[in-house]
Amino acid sequence: MFKRMDEIMIEIPQLEKPDPNAAAAVQELLGGKFGEMSTLNNYLFQSFNFRSKKKLKPFYDLVMSITAEELGHVELVSHAINNCLRGSTEYKEPELRPLQAVKDARLSYHFLAGAQGAMPFDSMGNPWTGANVFNSGNLVEDLLHNFFLECGARTHKMKVYEMTDNPAAREVVGFLLVRGGVHVVAYAKAIEIATGVNVTKLVPIPSLSNKSFNEARKYEEKGVHTKLYTWSESDFSGIEQIWKGTHPEDGLPLEVIQGAPKGVPIPEAPSLEEEFAPGISPEDFKEIAKRLKMAGNINE
């Protein structure tokens, strides 16, 4: 089962002006081949299909806990996209073409089908596909795949960072570089325990430290790269047998934390009358409130 909180993992800077093309670039980190939907669903189905989980409990616990974090990453990237899109248009009467301002946006689907919100696509508008999911059933093969997937995801994050100076995009990319780096090292350590091969000698891939990115460096200075969460109050503590020792890049001690990190409130998205979203007028709100009061036996 999953437990959900009405929070996102970090605070995303509010923008002074919209940036639809930055949103299009960040879409790659959501629905691309190496995006968060791919990492989530790879680990999700590996966790569903995991064999001999009692004998291999630390590895099972690792995949389970990282799966839960990836759900939060999908959520976080989606809100980064929403943040970049907010304010792209303003309400006008239909004949005055209220959506004209975005007709040349690189990814017009955000406005034609998504009410200016994140969608399960890559940066070119191609839908995410389950063909991106790999689950061989072989422990070492899956761990190797996961290590490669996280390295590929790291490369794409770095490229998106280099593509835009948008503060919302860069803040989220910087954070995800750090947390994705945790998963890279975690899978490397898991492979070493399973095979005896010290894969941590390969990191970082690409060979550029997270500390080269301002938004990532500040999180590493707080030790965010040394912590692995169980995302459960009582389960998955077996990751302590894998996530231990020191970080291969800076030698800081690694720490397992039972539970989940504290998040921040999800910002409220304003209505978009020009997109007919949510399509509820002030009069409708009053009627809905009246019906809710009646259903809850609330008298004023």
Protein backbone atom coordinates (compact mmCIF):
# COMPACT_ATOMS: atom_id res chain seq x y z
CA MET A 1 0.00 0.00 0.00
CA PHE A 2 0.96 3.63 -0.30
CA LYS A 3 0.45 6.50 2.12
CA ARG A 4 0.13 9.97 0.69
CA MET A 5 0.69 13.41 2.17
CA ASP A 6 -0.57 16.72 0.78
CA GLU A 7 3.00 17.94 0.34
CA ILE A 8 5.79 18.12 -2.21
CA MET A 9 9.41 17.40 -1.38
CA ILE A 10 10.84 20.92 -1.67
CA GLU A 11 9.64 24.47 -2.18
CA ILE A 12 9.62 25.54 -5.83
CA PRO A 13 10.36 29.23 -6.53
CA GLN A 14 7.39 31.20 -7.77
CA LEU A 15 8.15 32.81 -11.12
CA GLU A 16 7.68 36.43 -12.13
CA LYS A 17 6.81 35.42 -15.67
CA PRO A 18 5.76 32.16 -17.36
CA ASP A 19 8.18 30.04 -19.35
CA PRO A 20 6.33 27.50 -21.53
CA ASN A 21 9.47 26.35 -23.32
CA ALA A 22 11.20 25.60 -20.02
CA ALA A 23 8.13 23.54 -19.14
CA ALA A 24 8.54 21.64 -22.41
CA ALA A 25 12.17 20.84 -21.57
CA VAL A 26 11.30 19.68 -18.06
CA GLN A 27 8.70 17.34 -19.56
CA GLU A 28 11.65 15.13 -20.56
CA LEU A 29 12.36 14.60 -16.86
CA LEU A 30 8.79 13.46 -16.37
CA GLY A 31 7.80 11.36 -19.37
CA GLY A 32 11.08 10.76 -21.19
CA LYS A 33 12.80 7.38 -21.48
CA PHE A 34 14.97 8.28 -18.48
CA GLY A 35 12.34 10.41 -16.76
CA GLU A 36 10.76 9.98 -13.35
CA MET A 37 7.81 8.01 -14.73
CA SER A 38 10.30 5.48 -16.08
CA THR A 39 12.28 5.17 -12.85
CA LEU A 40 9.03 4.91 -10.87
CA ASN A 41 7.46 2.24 -13.01
CA ASN A 42 10.65 0.20 -13.40
CA TYR A 43 11.02 -0.09 -9.64
CA LEU A 44 7.26 -0.37 -9.06
CA PHE A 45 6.90 -3.45 -11.24
CA GLN A 46 10.17 -4.92 -10.02
CA SER A 47 8.80 -4.59 -6.48
CA PHE A 48 5.49 -6.21 -7.48
CA ASN A 49 7.28 -9.11 -9.15
CA PHE A 50 10.22 -9.54 -6.74
CA ARG A 51 11.06 -13.21 -6.06
CA SER A 52 12.52 -14.77 -2.90
CA LYS A 53 11.95 -11.51 -1.07
CA LYS A 54 12.47 -13.12 2.35
CA LYS A 55 15.90 -14.48 1.43
CA LEU A 56 16.84 -11.28 -0.40
CA LYS A 57 15.07 -8.86 1.95
CA PRO A 58 17.66 -6.01 1.90
CA PHE A 59 17.44 -5.84 -1.91
CA TYR A 60 13.64 -6.03 -1.85
CA ASP A 61 13.51 -3.32 0.80
CA LEU A 62 15.80 -1.14 -1.32
CA VAL A 63 13.61 -1.37 -4.42
CA MET A 64 10.46 -0.83 -2.34
CA SER A 65 11.76 2.28 -0.58
CA ILE A 66 13.19 3.88 -3.73
CA THR A 67 9.87 3.21 -5.51
CA ALA A 68 8.08 5.31 -2.91
CA GLU A 69 10.51 8.19 -3.35
CA GLU A 70 10.08 8.07 -7.12
CA LEU A 71 6.36 8.71 -6.66
CA GLY A 72 7.36 11.94 -4.95
CA HIS A 73 9.72 12.77 -7.80
CA VAL A 74 6.96 12.37 -10.39
CA GLU A 75 4.86 14.70 -8.26
CA LEU A 76 7.66 17.25 -7.85
CA VAL A 77 8.54 17.43 -11.56
CA SER A 78 4.85 17.82 -12.41
CA HIS A 79 4.58 20.84 -10.12
CA ALA A 80 7.75 22.32 -11.63
CA ILE A 81 6.12 22.10 -15.06
CA ASN A 82 2.92 23.63 -13.72
CA ASN A 83 4.94 26.44 -12.16
CA CYS A 84 6.66 27.22 -15.46
CA LEU A 85 3.32 27.32 -17.30
CA ARG A 86 1.40 29.44 -14.79
CA GLY A 87 0.41 32.83 -16.16
CA SER A 88 1.05 31.95 -19.80
CA THR A 89 -2.39 33.26 -20.80
CA GLU A 90 -5.12 35.46 -19.36
CA TYR A 91 -8.86 35.47 -19.67
CA LYS A 92 -10.48 37.24 -22.62
CA GLU A 93 -13.66 36.66 -24.54
CA PRO A 94 -13.19 33.77 -27.01
CA GLU A 95 -13.26 36.01 -30.09
CA LEU A 96 -10.27 37.91 -28.69
CA ARG A 97 -8.11 34.76 -28.87
CA PRO A 98 -7.05 34.38 -25.22
CA LEU A 99 -4.71 31.50 -26.13
CA GLN A 100 -2.97 33.32 -28.98
CA ALA A 101 0.03 34.14 -26.77
CA VAL A 102 1.04 30.47 -26.69
CA LYS A 103 0.34 29.41 -30.26
CA ASP A 104 4.09 29.36 -30.93
CA ALA A 105 5.02 27.56 -27.72
CA ARG A 106 7.21 24.57 -28.49
CA LEU A 107 4.78 22.14 -26.85
CA SER A 108 1.30 23.47 -27.59
CA TYR A 109 -0.32 20.32 -26.18
CA HIS A 110 0.03 21.85 -22.70
CA PHE A 111 -2.57 24.40 -23.78
CA LEU A 112 -4.71 22.38 -26.19
CA ALA A 113 -5.24 19.32 -24.02
CA GLY A 114 -3.70 19.81 -20.60
CA ALA A 115 -5.20 23.04 -19.19
CA GLN A 116 -1.63 24.30 -18.75
CA GLY A 117 -0.50 21.40 -16.60
CA ALA A 118 2.03 18.56 -16.65
CA MET A 119 1.27 15.56 -18.84
CA PRO A 120 2.79 12.06 -19.16
CA PHE A 121 4.85 13.01 -22.22
CA ASP A 122 8.48 13.62 -23.08
CA SER A 123 9.85 16.99 -24.19
CA MET A 124 8.57 16.49 -27.74
CA GLY A 125 5.04 15.48 -26.73
CA ASN A 126 5.51 11.74 -27.21
CA PRO A 127 3.41 9.82 -24.66
CA TRP A 128 5.25 7.87 -21.99
CA THR A 129 5.14 4.15 -22.71
CA GLY A 130 5.26 1.01 -20.58
CA ALA A 131 7.85 -0.27 -23.04
CA ASN A 132 10.31 1.74 -20.92
CA VAL A 133 9.82 -0.74 -18.06
CA PHE A 134 12.46 -3.46 -17.59
CA ASN A 135 11.85 -6.36 -15.22
CA SER A 136 13.91 -9.46 -15.93
CA GLY A 137 13.30 -11.19 -12.60
CA ASN A 138 17.06 -11.67 -12.29
CA LEU A 139 18.34 -9.75 -9.26
CA VAL A 140 21.76 -8.74 -10.62
CA GLU A 141 20.42 -7.90 -14.08
CA ASP A 142 17.68 -5.70 -12.63
CA LEU A 143 20.11 -3.94 -10.28
CA LEU A 144 22.48 -3.29 -13.20
CA HIS A 145 19.61 -1.93 -15.24
CA ASN A 146 18.53 0.32 -12.37
CA PHE A 147 22.06 1.64 -11.96
CA PHE A 148 22.22 2.42 -15.69
CA LEU A 149 18.73 3.98 -15.61
CA GLU A 150 19.68 6.33 -12.78
CA CYS A 151 22.91 7.32 -14.56
CA GLY A 152 20.95 8.02 -17.74
CA ALA A 153 18.43 10.05 -15.75
CA ARG A 154 21.28 12.04 -14.21
CA THR A 155 22.65 12.87 -17.67
CA HIS A 156 19.26 14.13 -18.82
CA LYS A 157 18.83 16.27 -15.70
CA MET A 158 22.18 17.90 -16.37
CA LYS A 159 21.22 18.63 -19.97
CA VAL A 160 17.89 20.18 -18.97
CA TYR A 161 19.76 22.30 -16.42
CA GLU A 162 22.08 23.52 -19.19
CA MET A 163 19.09 24.25 -21.44
CA THR A 164 17.31 26.74 -19.19
CA ASP A 165 18.06 29.25 -16.45
CA ASN A 166 14.47 29.13 -15.25
CA PRO A 167 14.64 29.24 -11.41
CA ALA A 168 11.81 26.75 -10.86
CA ALA A 169 13.25 24.26 -13.32
CA ARG A 170 16.79 24.58 -11.96
CA GLU A 171 15.70 24.27 -8.33
CA VAL A 172 13.91 20.99 -9.00
CA VAL A 173 16.68 19.67 -11.26
CA GLY A 174 19.30 20.51 -8.62
CA PHE A 175 17.38 18.64 -5.93
CA LEU A 176 16.77 15.64 -8.19
CA LEU A 177 20.44 15.47 -9.15
CA VAL A 178 21.20 14.98 -5.46
CA ARG A 179 18.43 12.49 -4.73
CA GLY A 180 19.00 10.62 -8.00
CA GLY A 181 22.67 10.47 -7.03
CA VAL A 182 21.62 8.71 -3.83
CA HIS A 183 19.87 6.06 -5.91
CA VAL A 184 22.91 5.67 -8.18
CA VAL A 185 25.12 4.95 -5.18
CA ALA A 186 22.49 2.74 -3.53
CA TYR A 187 22.21 0.49 -6.57
CA ALA A 188 26.00 0.45 -6.95
CA LYS A 189 26.36 -0.72 -3.35
CA ALA A 190 23.64 -3.32 -3.88
CA ILE A 191 25.48 -4.71 -6.91
CA GLU A 192 28.69 -4.89 -4.89
CA ILE A 193 26.99 -6.89 -2.16
CA ALA A 194 25.37 -9.20 -4.71
CA THR A 195 28.48 -9.74 -6.88
CA GLY A 196 31.57 -8.49 -5.05
CA VAL A 197 32.26 -5.93 -7.79
CA ASN A 198 32.90 -2.39 -6.51
CA VAL A 199 30.67 -0.45 -8.88
CA THR A 200 30.90 2.72 -6.76
CA LYS A 201 34.29 3.33 -8.38
CA LEU A 202 32.38 4.27 -11.54
CA VAL A 203 30.49 7.18 -10.01
CA PRO A 204 29.77 9.90 -10.84
CA ILE A 205 28.50 9.28 -14.36
CA PRO A 206 28.86 11.71 -16.16
CA SER A 207 32.09 12.57 -14.38
CA LEU A 208 30.90 15.97 -13.19
CA SER A 209 30.18 16.44 -9.50
CA ASN A 210 26.77 17.61 -8.32
CA LYS A 211 28.69 20.35 -6.53
CA SER A 212 29.22 21.98 -9.94
CA PHE A 213 25.54 22.98 -9.91
CA ASN A 214 24.56 25.74 -7.49
CA GLU A 215 21.10 24.34 -6.78
CA ALA A 216 22.50 20.85 -6.16
CA ARG A 217 25.48 21.99 -4.11
CA LYS A 218 23.33 23.61 -1.44
CA TYR A 219 21.49 20.34 -0.85
CA GLU A 220 24.73 18.38 -0.62
CA GLU A 221 26.01 20.90 1.91
CA LYS A 222 22.98 19.93 4.02
CA GLY A 223 23.85 16.23 3.68
CA VAL A 224 20.82 15.38 1.55
CA HIS A 225 23.03 13.09 -0.57
CA THR A 226 23.89 10.89 2.43
CA LYS A 227 20.35 9.99 3.51
CA LEU A 228 18.19 7.12 2.31
CA TYR A 229 14.62 6.97 3.59
CA THR A 230 12.51 3.85 4.17
CA TRP A 231 9.29 5.79 3.38
CA SER A 232 7.60 3.60 5.98
CA GLU A 233 7.27 3.92 9.74
CA SER A 234 8.06 0.25 10.32
CA ASP A 235 9.00 -1.57 7.10
CA PHE A 236 12.02 -1.79 4.77
CA SER A 237 14.68 -1.32 7.46
CA GLY A 238 16.73 -3.97 5.64
CA ILE A 239 18.23 -1.21 3.51
CA GLU A 240 20.61 -0.62 6.43
CA GLN A 241 22.53 -3.67 5.20
CA ILE A 242 23.15 -1.92 1.87
CA TRP A 243 23.14 1.81 2.61
CA LYS A 244 26.06 1.91 5.04
CA GLY A 245 29.66 3.08 5.22
CA THR A 246 30.63 6.31 3.50
CA HIS A 247 29.71 8.18 0.35
CA PRO A 248 32.15 7.27 -2.46
CA GLU A 249 32.62 10.90 -3.58
CA ASP A 250 33.17 12.88 -0.38
CA GLY A 251 33.54 10.21 2.31
CA LEU A 252 30.65 11.43 4.47
CA PRO A 253 28.86 8.77 6.54
CA LEU A 254 25.66 7.35 5.09
CA GLU A 255 22.44 7.34 7.11
CA VAL A 256 19.19 5.38 6.87
CA ILE A 257 16.15 7.28 8.14
CA GLN A 258 13.02 5.36 9.08
CA GLY A 259 10.07 7.18 7.58
CA ALA A 260 9.81 10.04 5.06
CA PRO A 261 11.32 13.53 4.91
CA LYS A 262 9.25 16.55 5.81
CA GLY A 263 7.79 18.22 2.75
CA VAL A 264 6.21 21.60 2.04
CA PRO A 265 2.57 22.44 1.18
CA ILE A 266 1.48 22.05 -2.41
CA PRO A 267 0.73 25.53 -3.80
CA GLU A 268 -2.83 26.10 -4.97
CA ALA A 269 -3.30 26.42 -8.71
CA PRO A 270 -5.58 29.31 -9.72
CA SER A 271 -8.52 28.86 -12.06
CA LEU A 272 -8.07 29.30 -15.81
CA GLU A 273 -11.29 30.61 -17.27
CA GLU A 274 -9.81 30.72 -20.76
CA GLU A 275 -9.12 26.96 -20.44
CA PHE A 276 -12.53 26.27 -18.87
CA ALA A 277 -10.77 24.97 -15.76
CA PRO A 278 -12.22 24.10 -13.35
CA GLY A 279 -15.31 25.36 -15.16
CA ILE A 280 -17.13 26.37 -12.00
CA SER A 281 -18.57 29.87 -11.76
CA PRO A 282 -18.98 31.85 -8.50
CA GLU A 283 -22.66 30.95 -8.57
CA ASP A 284 -21.76 27.28 -9.01
CA PHE A 285 -19.42 27.48 -5.99
CA LYS A 286 -22.29 28.81 -3.87
CA GLU A 287 -24.57 25.98 -4.95
CA ILE A 288 -21.86 23.38 -4.34
CA ALA A 289 -21.20 24.82 -0.87
CA LYS A 290 -24.93 24.71 -0.12
CA ARG A 291 -25.16 21.04 -1.16
CA LEU A 292 -22.07 20.16 0.89
CA LYS A 293 -23.57 21.78 3.98
CA MET A 294 -26.79 19.88 3.46
CA ALA A 295 -24.90 16.60 3.01
CA GLY A 296 -22.93 17.25 6.22
CA ASN A 297 -25.95 18.48 8.19
CA ILE A 298 -24.19 21.81 8.75
CA ASN A 299 -26.43 24.63 9.84
CA GLU A 300 -25.45 28.28 10.07
